[in-house]
């Protein structure tokens, strides 16, 4: 499902128990210097990530000062985040001229401890190549390094490297918990996924493909700066037009485990062997 760019007025774009992606939560909060925003999401753990600007964050009496260091856009510096336990009361206050802050969430039933993720704790991976039109960089905010401290939530930022090309290819899905026969290895996990896209320059554009059934035509959505995509099931590669860079903020919420197991579309799975570093990328979604 595509949600067109709009002024959400600091109200959730993907609320709790969303009919398409019930395992996800997503909000964008815009504040100016001195303004504050409070929230609490029962049944969901969340992560606060300033897209731009800086905020002070108070979580259940614990304070994390000066979160975020980016200026004009998401390409202007590195991300930072604060993990918020299930149902905790949060207050964030803008300490820069302005901020646009992402709030990512996943359904979970246990209360853990809050913590922050600063630049040194980011987990970065770059893979693909210009030749294969798959060159991109991933910055994991809640990734493998934070695995033992988080319930079901994975939060990352993905950037195309260069201008134009594909992402999420070979096509894959993760909409069902299943094993390779009774008692066999896990070959796929159910993870709902939500993206928010940005382009440089801002008038850039892309396309999100969603093929829900093998060998049948799927849907294609035109992506604009600020588009949100909710993926409940199906294979879902995306692409950016030549001449533009693409970014997307990624939220994954697992049904039964945090580690993501992607199932690559059999028709295209052989291309895993043609894309440099893709196996290392897959291993990072833990």
C-alpha atoms as a PDB file:
ATOM      1  CA  UNK A   1       0.000   0.000   0.000  1.00  0.00           C
ATOM      2  CA  UNK A   2       1.235   3.482  -0.910  1.00  0.00           C
ATOM      3  CA  UNK A   3       0.558   6.474   1.364  1.00  0.00           C
ATOM      4  CA  UNK A   4       1.179   9.702  -0.538  1.00  0.00           C
ATOM      5  CA  UNK A   5       3.309  12.469   0.991  1.00  0.00           C
ATOM      6  CA  UNK A   6       1.192  14.687   3.233  1.00  0.00           C
ATOM      7  CA  UNK A   7       1.284  16.811   6.373  1.00  0.00           C
ATOM      8  CA  UNK A   8       0.421  14.243   9.031  1.00  0.00           C
ATOM      9  CA  UNK A   9       0.343  16.970  11.738  1.00  0.00           C
ATOM     10  CA  UNK A  10       2.444  14.777  14.045  1.00  0.00           C
ATOM     11  CA  UNK A  11      -0.192  12.034  14.010  1.00  0.00           C
ATOM     12  CA  UNK A  12       0.804   8.410  13.248  1.00  0.00           C
ATOM     13  CA  UNK A  13       1.034   7.558   9.555  1.00  0.00           C
ATOM     14  CA  UNK A  14       0.877   3.868  10.496  1.00  0.00           C
ATOM     15  CA  UNK A  15      -0.933   3.517  13.802  1.00  0.00           C
ATOM     16  CA  UNK A  16      -1.146   0.628  16.241  1.00  0.00           C
ATOM     17  CA  UNK A  17      -2.991  -2.395  14.846  1.00  0.00           C
ATOM     18  CA  UNK A  18      -2.839  -1.048  11.304  1.00  0.00           C
ATOM     19  CA  UNK A  19      -4.935  -3.317   9.049  1.00  0.00           C
ATOM     20  CA  UNK A  20      -2.126  -3.729   6.489  1.00  0.00           C
ATOM     21  CA  UNK A  21       0.958  -3.953   8.716  1.00  0.00           C
ATOM     22  CA  UNK A  22      -0.241  -4.622  12.290  1.00  0.00           C
ATOM     23  CA  UNK A  23       3.299  -5.434  13.451  1.00  0.00           C
ATOM     24  CA  UNK A  24       4.523  -1.896  12.559  1.00  0.00           C
ATOM     25  CA  UNK A  25       4.102   1.641  13.882  1.00  0.00           C
ATOM     26  CA  UNK A  26       5.323   4.821  12.162  1.00  0.00           C
ATOM     27  CA  UNK A  27       5.070   8.533  12.862  1.00  0.00           C
ATOM     28  CA  UNK A  28       6.843  11.667  11.616  1.00  0.00           C
ATOM     29  CA  UNK A  29       7.078  14.517  14.110  1.00  0.00           C
ATOM     30  CA  UNK A  30       8.011  18.054  13.073  1.00  0.00           C
ATOM     31  CA  UNK A  31       8.986  20.597  15.731  1.00  0.00           C
ATOM     32  CA  UNK A  32      10.692  23.974  15.951  1.00  0.00           C
ATOM     33  CA  UNK A  33      13.160  25.044  18.635  1.00  0.00           C
ATOM     34  CA  UNK A  34      11.723  24.709  22.127  1.00  0.00           C
ATOM     35  CA  UNK A  35       8.647  22.755  21.080  1.00  0.00           C
ATOM     36  CA  UNK A  36       7.988  19.361  22.675  1.00  0.00           C
ATOM     37  CA  UNK A  37       6.058  16.255  21.702  1.00  0.00           C
ATOM     38  CA  UNK A  38       4.881  13.472  23.974  1.00  0.00           C
ATOM     39  CA  UNK A  39       3.719   9.978  23.086  1.00  0.00           C
ATOM     40  CA  UNK A  40       3.061   6.510  24.478  1.00  0.00           C
ATOM     41  CA  UNK A  41       2.283   3.399  22.408  1.00  0.00           C
ATOM     42  CA  UNK A  42       0.955   0.453  24.439  1.00  0.00           C
ATOM     43  CA  UNK A  43       1.972  -2.901  22.997  1.00  0.00           C
ATOM     44  CA  UNK A  44       4.747  -1.502  20.787  1.00  0.00           C
ATOM     45  CA  UNK A  45       8.454  -0.888  21.303  1.00  0.00           C
ATOM     46  CA  UNK A  46       9.654   2.168  19.391  1.00  0.00           C
ATOM     47  CA  UNK A  47      12.792   3.915  18.185  1.00  0.00           C
ATOM     48  CA  UNK A  48      13.256   7.680  17.788  1.00  0.00           C
ATOM     49  CA  UNK A  49      15.480   8.735  14.864  1.00  0.00           C
ATOM     50  CA  UNK A  50      15.833  12.411  13.857  1.00  0.00           C
ATOM     51  CA  UNK A  51      15.811  12.702  10.078  1.00  0.00           C
ATOM     52  CA  UNK A  52      17.075  16.271  10.528  1.00  0.00           C
ATOM     53  CA  UNK A  53      17.793  18.448  13.549  1.00  0.00           C
ATOM     54  CA  UNK A  54      18.436  17.603  17.191  1.00  0.00           C
ATOM     55  CA  UNK A  55      16.160  16.611  20.074  1.00  0.00           C
ATOM     56  CA  UNK A  56      16.475  15.886  23.772  1.00  0.00           C
ATOM     57  CA  UNK A  57      14.596  12.706  24.671  1.00  0.00           C
ATOM     58  CA  UNK A  58      13.208  11.689  28.054  1.00  0.00           C
ATOM     59  CA  UNK A  59      12.058   8.066  28.376  1.00  0.00           C
ATOM     60  CA  UNK A  60      10.481   6.968  31.664  1.00  0.00           C
ATOM     61  CA  UNK A  61      12.697   9.361  33.612  1.00  0.00           C
ATOM     62  CA  UNK A  62      15.904   8.635  31.673  1.00  0.00           C
ATOM     63  CA  UNK A  63      17.265  11.529  29.581  1.00  0.00           C
ATOM     64  CA  UNK A  64      19.229  11.302  26.330  1.00  0.00           C
ATOM     65  CA  UNK A  65      20.532  14.717  25.315  1.00  0.00           C
ATOM     66  CA  UNK A  66      21.261  16.052  21.839  1.00  0.00           C
ATOM     67  CA  UNK A  67      20.081  13.161  19.725  1.00  0.00           C
ATOM     68  CA  UNK A  68      20.684  13.733  16.017  1.00  0.00           C
ATOM     69  CA  UNK A  69      23.260  15.770  14.145  1.00  0.00           C
ATOM     70  CA  UNK A  70      21.951  16.158  10.605  1.00  0.00           C
ATOM     71  CA  UNK A  71      21.281  19.464   8.922  1.00  0.00           C
ATOM     72  CA  UNK A  72      19.516  19.979   5.608  1.00  0.00           C
ATOM     73  CA  UNK A  73      18.483  16.390   4.827  1.00  0.00           C
ATOM     74  CA  UNK A  74      19.167  12.701   5.530  1.00  0.00           C
ATOM     75  CA  UNK A  75      22.358  12.816   3.455  1.00  0.00           C
ATOM     76  CA  UNK A  76      23.773  15.548   5.725  1.00  0.00           C
ATOM     77  CA  UNK A  77      25.415  13.468   8.472  1.00  0.00           C
ATOM     78  CA  UNK A  78      24.887  10.154  10.255  1.00  0.00           C
ATOM     79  CA  UNK A  79      21.728   8.885  11.991  1.00  0.00           C
ATOM     80  CA  UNK A  80      21.279   8.354  15.718  1.00  0.00           C
ATOM     81  CA  UNK A  81      18.468   6.747  17.688  1.00  0.00           C
ATOM     82  CA  UNK A  82      16.893   6.084  21.079  1.00  0.00           C
ATOM     83  CA  UNK A  83      15.185   2.786  21.870  1.00  0.00           C
ATOM     84  CA  UNK A  84      11.901   3.177  23.762  1.00  0.00           C
ATOM     85  CA  UNK A  85      10.492   0.185  25.694  1.00  0.00           C
ATOM     86  CA  UNK A  86       6.946  -1.053  25.164  1.00  0.00           C
ATOM     87  CA  UNK A  87       4.366   1.447  26.386  1.00  0.00           C
ATOM     88  CA  UNK A  88       6.888   3.867  27.909  1.00  0.00           C
ATOM     89  CA  UNK A  89       6.045   7.559  28.230  1.00  0.00           C
ATOM     90  CA  UNK A  90       8.247   9.708  26.014  1.00  0.00           C
ATOM     91  CA  UNK A  91       8.890  13.420  25.740  1.00  0.00           C
ATOM     92  CA  UNK A  92      11.102  14.863  23.017  1.00  0.00           C
ATOM     93  CA  UNK A  93      12.108  18.525  22.807  1.00  0.00           C
ATOM     94  CA  UNK A  94      13.632  20.223  19.781  1.00  0.00           C
ATOM     95  CA  UNK A  95      16.982  21.878  20.570  1.00  0.00           C
ATOM     96  CA  UNK A  96      17.900  22.899  17.007  1.00  0.00           C
ATOM     97  CA  UNK A  97      16.125  25.441  14.798  1.00  0.00           C
ATOM     98  CA  UNK A  98      13.792  22.667  13.644  1.00  0.00           C
ATOM     99  CA  UNK A  99      13.560  18.891  13.501  1.00  0.00           C
ATOM    100  CA  UNK A 100      11.823  16.220  11.513  1.00  0.00           C
ATOM    101  CA  UNK A 101      11.929  13.045  13.593  1.00  0.00           C
ATOM    102  CA  UNK A 102      10.938   9.496  12.681  1.00  0.00           C
ATOM    103  CA  UNK A 103       9.301   7.201  15.245  1.00  0.00           C
ATOM    104  CA  UNK A 104       9.512   3.525  14.256  1.00  0.00           C
ATOM    105  CA  UNK A 105       7.759   0.737  16.132  1.00  0.00           C
ATOM    106  CA  UNK A 106       7.099  -2.986  16.310  1.00  0.00           C
ATOM    107  CA  UNK A 107       4.565  -4.976  18.295  1.00  0.00           C
ATOM    108  CA  UNK A 108       6.084  -6.682  21.340  1.00  0.00           C
ATOM    109  CA  UNK A 109       4.912  -7.960  24.726  1.00  0.00           C
ATOM    110  CA  UNK A 110       7.898  -7.485  27.059  1.00  0.00           C
ATOM    111  CA  UNK A 111       9.322  -4.312  28.606  1.00  0.00           C
ATOM    112  CA  UNK A 112      13.085  -3.862  28.123  1.00  0.00           C
ATOM    113  CA  UNK A 113      15.469  -1.021  29.027  1.00  0.00           C
ATOM    114  CA  UNK A 114      15.853   2.244  27.074  1.00  0.00           C
ATOM    115  CA  UNK A 115      19.189   3.040  25.433  1.00  0.00           C
ATOM    116  CA  UNK A 116      20.654   5.330  22.809  1.00  0.00           C
ATOM    117  CA  UNK A 117      22.530   4.523  19.606  1.00  0.00           C
ATOM    118  CA  UNK A 118      25.148   7.086  18.680  1.00  0.00           C
ATOM    119  CA  UNK A 119      27.276   7.224  15.544  1.00  0.00           C
ATOM    120  CA  UNK A 120      29.988   4.810  16.799  1.00  0.00           C
ATOM    121  CA  UNK A 121      27.327   2.138  17.446  1.00  0.00           C
ATOM    122  CA  UNK A 122      25.901   2.189  13.915  1.00  0.00           C
ATOM    123  CA  UNK A 123      26.360  -0.969  11.867  1.00  0.00           C
ATOM    124  CA  UNK A 124      27.117  -0.092   8.250  1.00  0.00           C
ATOM    125  CA  UNK A 125      27.259  -2.305   5.187  1.00  0.00           C
ATOM    126  CA  UNK A 126      27.732  -1.502   1.521  1.00  0.00           C
ATOM    127  CA  UNK A 127      27.070  -3.959  -1.273  1.00  0.00           C
ATOM    128  CA  UNK A 128      26.233  -4.307  -4.940  1.00  0.00           C
ATOM    129  CA  UNK A 129      27.938  -2.615  -7.851  1.00  0.00           C
ATOM    130  CA  UNK A 130      27.403  -0.005 -10.513  1.00  0.00           C
ATOM    131  CA  UNK A 131      27.610  -2.725 -13.164  1.00  0.00           C
ATOM    132  CA  UNK A 132      24.697  -4.675 -11.662  1.00  0.00           C
ATOM    133  CA  UNK A 133      22.688  -1.471 -10.979  1.00  0.00           C
ATOM    134  CA  UNK A 134      22.370  -2.582  -7.325  1.00  0.00           C
ATOM    135  CA  UNK A 135      24.914  -0.413  -5.509  1.00  0.00           C
ATOM    136  CA  UNK A 136      23.664   0.716  -2.093  1.00  0.00           C
ATOM    137  CA  UNK A 137      24.625   1.453   1.505  1.00  0.00           C
ATOM    138  CA  UNK A 138      22.748   0.427   4.662  1.00  0.00           C
ATOM    139  CA  UNK A 139      23.070   2.059   8.081  1.00  0.00           C
ATOM    140  CA  UNK A 140      21.567  -0.140  10.794  1.00  0.00           C
ATOM    141  CA  UNK A 141      20.372   1.843  13.815  1.00  0.00           C
ATOM    142  CA  UNK A 142      18.719  -1.085  15.569  1.00  0.00           C
ATOM    143  CA  UNK A 143      20.598  -3.923  13.926  1.00  0.00           C
ATOM    144  CA  UNK A 144      22.810  -6.842  14.752  1.00  0.00           C
ATOM    145  CA  UNK A 145      24.808  -4.900  17.360  1.00  0.00           C
ATOM    146  CA  UNK A 146      21.659  -4.261  19.410  1.00  0.00           C
ATOM    147  CA  UNK A 147      20.182  -7.754  19.002  1.00  0.00           C
ATOM    148  CA  UNK A 148      20.101  -8.742  22.683  1.00  0.00           C
ATOM    149  CA  UNK A 149      18.574  -5.430  23.787  1.00  0.00           C
ATOM    150  CA  UNK A 150      15.532  -5.257  21.471  1.00  0.00           C
ATOM    151  CA  UNK A 151      12.420  -7.404  21.086  1.00  0.00           C
ATOM    152  CA  UNK A 152      11.157  -7.595  17.473  1.00  0.00           C
ATOM    153  CA  UNK A 153      12.165  -4.249  15.960  1.00  0.00           C
ATOM    154  CA  UNK A 154      14.729  -3.661  13.200  1.00  0.00           C
ATOM    155  CA  UNK A 155      15.415  -0.068  12.070  1.00  0.00           C
ATOM    156  CA  UNK A 156      17.718   0.896   9.210  1.00  0.00           C
ATOM    157  CA  UNK A 157      18.421   3.573   6.639  1.00  0.00           C
ATOM    158  CA  UNK A 158      19.103   2.530   3.050  1.00  0.00           C
ATOM    159  CA  UNK A 159      20.809   4.699   0.436  1.00  0.00           C
ATOM    160  CA  UNK A 160      21.340   4.099  -3.242  1.00  0.00           C
ATOM    161  CA  UNK A 161      24.983   4.698  -4.159  1.00  0.00           C
ATOM    162  CA  UNK A 162      25.327   6.701  -7.341  1.00  0.00           C
ATOM    163  CA  UNK A 163      22.293   7.750  -9.328  1.00  0.00           C
ATOM    164  CA  UNK A 164      19.658   5.330 -10.544  1.00  0.00           C
ATOM    165  CA  UNK A 165      19.409   1.588 -10.019  1.00  0.00           C
ATOM    166  CA  UNK A 166      17.581  -1.105  -8.087  1.00  0.00           C
ATOM    167  CA  UNK A 167      17.160  -1.911  -4.417  1.00  0.00           C
ATOM    168  CA  UNK A 168      15.649  -4.976  -2.772  1.00  0.00           C
ATOM    169  CA  UNK A 169      16.821  -7.103  -5.685  1.00  0.00           C
ATOM    170  CA  UNK A 170      16.759 -10.021  -6.299  1.00  0.00           C
ATOM    171  CA  UNK A 171      13.074  -9.831  -5.423  1.00  0.00           C
ATOM    172  CA  UNK A 172      12.322 -11.350  -2.017  1.00  0.00           C
ATOM    173  CA  UNK A 173       9.526 -11.650   0.502  1.00  0.00           C
ATOM    174  CA  UNK A 174       9.084 -12.288   4.228  1.00  0.00           C
ATOM    175  CA  UNK A 175       5.379 -12.709   4.892  1.00  0.00           C
ATOM    176  CA  UNK A 176       5.161 -16.227   6.370  1.00  0.00           C
ATOM    177  CA  UNK A 177       6.852 -18.115   9.179  1.00  0.00           C
ATOM    178  CA  UNK A 178       7.874 -21.422   7.598  1.00  0.00           C
ATOM    179  CA  UNK A 179      10.505 -24.119   7.694  1.00  0.00           C
ATOM    180  CA  UNK A 180      12.015 -26.508   5.161  1.00  0.00           C
ATOM    181  CA  UNK A 181       9.807 -29.411   6.218  1.00  0.00           C
ATOM    182  CA  UNK A 182       8.828 -30.402   9.764  1.00  0.00           C
ATOM    183  CA  UNK A 183      11.680 -29.541  12.107  1.00  0.00           C
ATOM    184  CA  UNK A 184      13.802 -28.203   9.243  1.00  0.00           C
ATOM    185  CA  UNK A 185      15.696 -24.941   8.884  1.00  0.00           C
ATOM    186  CA  UNK A 186      13.758 -21.679   8.864  1.00  0.00           C
ATOM    187  CA  UNK A 187      13.439 -20.560   5.236  1.00  0.00           C
ATOM    188  CA  UNK A 188      11.251 -17.488   5.757  1.00  0.00           C
ATOM    189  CA  UNK A 189       9.960 -15.300   8.604  1.00  0.00           C
ATOM    190  CA  UNK A 190       6.892 -13.091   8.897  1.00  0.00           C
ATOM    191  CA  UNK A 191       8.098  -9.494   9.124  1.00  0.00           C
ATOM    192  CA  UNK A 192       5.802  -6.573   8.311  1.00  0.00           C
ATOM    193  CA  UNK A 193       7.730  -3.731   6.671  1.00  0.00           C
ATOM    194  CA  UNK A 194       7.213   0.010   6.330  1.00  0.00           C
ATOM    195  CA  UNK A 195       9.342   2.426   4.270  1.00  0.00           C
ATOM    196  CA  UNK A 196       9.540   6.213   4.026  1.00  0.00           C
ATOM    197  CA  UNK A 197      11.328   7.499   0.925  1.00  0.00           C
ATOM    198  CA  UNK A 198      13.405  10.585   0.198  1.00  0.00           C
ATOM    199  CA  UNK A 199      15.092  11.716  -3.032  1.00  0.00           C
ATOM    200  CA  UNK A 200      18.023  13.951  -3.907  1.00  0.00           C
ATOM    201  CA  UNK A 201      17.178  16.279  -5.615  1.00  0.00           C
ATOM    202  CA  UNK A 202      13.712  16.319  -4.007  1.00  0.00           C
ATOM    203  CA  UNK A 203      11.879  16.278  -7.324  1.00  0.00           C
ATOM    204  CA  UNK A 204      13.300  12.815  -8.005  1.00  0.00           C
ATOM    205  CA  UNK A 205      11.095   9.770  -8.228  1.00  0.00           C
ATOM    206  CA  UNK A 206      11.115   5.979  -8.167  1.00  0.00           C
ATOM    207  CA  UNK A 207       8.894   2.939  -8.323  1.00  0.00           C
ATOM    208  CA  UNK A 208       7.924   0.260  -5.802  1.00  0.00           C
ATOM    209  CA  UNK A 209       6.881  -3.118  -7.200  1.00  0.00           C
ATOM    210  CA  UNK A 210       4.727  -5.470  -5.141  1.00  0.00           C
ATOM    211  CA  UNK A 211       4.062  -8.907  -6.651  1.00  0.00           C
ATOM    212  CA  UNK A 212       1.770 -10.798  -4.307  1.00  0.00           C
ATOM    213  CA  UNK A 213       1.408 -14.005  -6.341  1.00  0.00           C
ATOM    214  CA  UNK A 214       4.060 -15.913  -8.287  1.00  0.00           C
ATOM    215  CA  UNK A 215       3.736 -15.650 -12.097  1.00  0.00           C
ATOM    216  CA  UNK A 216       0.969 -13.048 -11.880  1.00  0.00           C
ATOM    217  CA  UNK A 217       1.338  -9.309 -12.502  1.00  0.00           C
ATOM    218  CA  UNK A 218       1.589  -7.265  -9.337  1.00  0.00           C
ATOM    219  CA  UNK A 219       1.206  -3.584  -8.508  1.00  0.00           C
ATOM    220  CA  UNK A 220       3.572  -0.667  -9.067  1.00  0.00           C
ATOM    221  CA  UNK A 221       3.515   2.561  -7.057  1.00  0.00           C
ATOM    222  CA  UNK A 222       5.189   5.805  -8.051  1.00  0.00           C
ATOM    223  CA  UNK A 223       7.415   7.022  -5.227  1.00  0.00           C
ATOM    224  CA  UNK A 224       7.796  10.711  -4.431  1.00  0.00           C
ATOM    225  CA  UNK A 225       9.821  12.514  -1.765  1.00  0.00           C
ATOM    226  CA  UNK A 226       7.980  11.609   1.460  1.00  0.00           C
ATOM    227  CA  UNK A 227       6.101   8.556   0.159  1.00  0.00           C
ATOM    228  CA  UNK A 228       5.345   5.786   2.666  1.00  0.00           C
ATOM    229  CA  UNK A 229       5.008   2.151   1.588  1.00  0.00           C
ATOM    230  CA  UNK A 230       3.462  -0.582   3.769  1.00  0.00           C
ATOM    231  CA  UNK A 231       4.299  -4.155   2.764  1.00  0.00           C
ATOM    232  CA  UNK A 232       2.173  -6.961   4.142  1.00  0.00           C
ATOM    233  CA  UNK A 233       3.083  -9.723   1.699  1.00  0.00           C
ATOM    234  CA  UNK A 234       4.716 -10.411  -1.638  1.00  0.00           C
ATOM    235  CA  UNK A 235       7.966  -9.753  -3.490  1.00  0.00           C
ATOM    236  CA  UNK A 236       8.930  -6.079  -3.321  1.00  0.00           C
ATOM    237  CA  UNK A 237      11.929  -4.663  -5.214  1.00  0.00           C
ATOM    238  CA  UNK A 238      12.116  -0.899  -5.873  1.00  0.00           C
ATOM    239  CA  UNK A 239      14.050   1.367  -8.225  1.00  0.00           C
ATOM    240  CA  UNK A 240      15.072   5.002  -8.582  1.00  0.00           C
ATOM    241  CA  UNK A 241      15.176   6.986 -11.828  1.00  0.00           C
ATOM    242  CA  UNK A 242      18.562   7.694 -13.436  1.00  0.00           C
ATOM    243  CA  UNK A 243      20.021  10.989 -12.269  1.00  0.00           C
ATOM    244  CA  UNK A 244      18.612  10.803  -8.713  1.00  0.00           C
ATOM    245  CA  UNK A 245      19.655   9.367  -5.365  1.00  0.00           C
ATOM    246  CA  UNK A 246      17.125   7.501  -3.224  1.00  0.00           C
ATOM    247  CA  UNK A 247      16.902   6.955   0.540  1.00  0.00           C
ATOM    248  CA  UNK A 248      14.407   4.975   2.536  1.00  0.00           C
ATOM    249  CA  UNK A 249      13.846   4.671   6.270  1.00  0.00           C
ATOM    250  CA  UNK A 250      13.058   1.027   6.994  1.00  0.00           C
ATOM    251  CA  UNK A 251      10.958  -0.473   9.787  1.00  0.00           C
ATOM    252  CA  UNK A 252      10.731  -4.247  10.198  1.00  0.00           C
ATOM    253  CA  UNK A 253       8.624  -5.926  12.874  1.00  0.00           C
ATOM    254  CA  UNK A 254       8.837  -9.687  13.339  1.00  0.00           C
ATOM    255  CA  UNK A 255       5.920 -11.880  14.343  1.00  0.00           C
ATOM    256  CA  UNK A 256       7.824 -14.637  16.154  1.00  0.00           C
ATOM    257  CA  UNK A 257      11.482 -13.536  16.118  1.00  0.00           C
ATOM    258  CA  UNK A 258      13.626 -10.497  15.487  1.00  0.00           C
ATOM    259  CA  UNK A 259      16.053 -11.995  12.966  1.00  0.00           C
ATOM    260  CA  UNK A 260      14.815 -11.585   9.403  1.00  0.00           C
ATOM    261  CA  UNK A 261      14.929 -14.545   7.006  1.00  0.00           C
ATOM    262  CA  UNK A 262      14.227 -13.421   3.459  1.00  0.00           C
ATOM    263  CA  UNK A 263      12.882 -15.812   0.835  1.00  0.00           C
ATOM    264  CA  UNK A 264      14.251 -14.924  -2.582  1.00  0.00           C
ATOM    265  CA  UNK A 265      11.922 -15.334  -5.539  1.00  0.00           C
ATOM    266  CA  UNK A 266      12.977 -18.610  -7.217  1.00  0.00           C
ATOM    267  CA  UNK A 267      12.787 -17.074 -10.678  1.00  0.00           C
ATOM    268  CA  UNK A 268      15.488 -14.539  -9.797  1.00  0.00           C
ATOM    269  CA  UNK A 269      17.320 -16.136  -6.869  1.00  0.00           C
ATOM    270  CA  UNK A 270      20.325 -17.159  -8.993  1.00  0.00           C
ATOM    271  CA  UNK A 271      21.229 -13.469  -9.290  1.00  0.00           C
ATOM    272  CA  UNK A 272      22.336 -13.493  -5.660  1.00  0.00           C
ATOM    273  CA  UNK A 273      25.585 -14.897  -7.033  1.00  0.00           C
ATOM    274  CA  UNK A 274      26.032 -11.912  -9.372  1.00  0.00           C
ATOM    275  CA  UNK A 275      25.739  -9.111  -6.778  1.00  0.00           C
ATOM    276  CA  UNK A 276      28.902  -8.419  -4.746  1.00  0.00           C
ATOM    277  CA  UNK A 277      28.425  -8.454  -0.976  1.00  0.00           C
ATOM    278  CA  UNK A 278      24.717  -9.278  -0.940  1.00  0.00           C
ATOM    279  CA  UNK A 279      25.153 -12.309   1.313  1.00  0.00           C
ATOM    280  CA  UNK A 280      26.886 -10.138   3.923  1.00  0.00           C
ATOM    281  CA  UNK A 281      23.972  -7.692   3.678  1.00  0.00           C
ATOM    282  CA  UNK A 282      21.416 -10.439   4.272  1.00  0.00           C
ATOM    283  CA  UNK A 283      23.316 -11.657   7.340  1.00  0.00           C
ATOM    284  CA  UNK A 284      23.129  -8.211   8.983  1.00  0.00           C
ATOM    285  CA  UNK A 285      19.322  -8.262   9.436  1.00  0.00           C
ATOM    286  CA  UNK A 286      19.462  -9.967  12.837  1.00  0.00           C
END
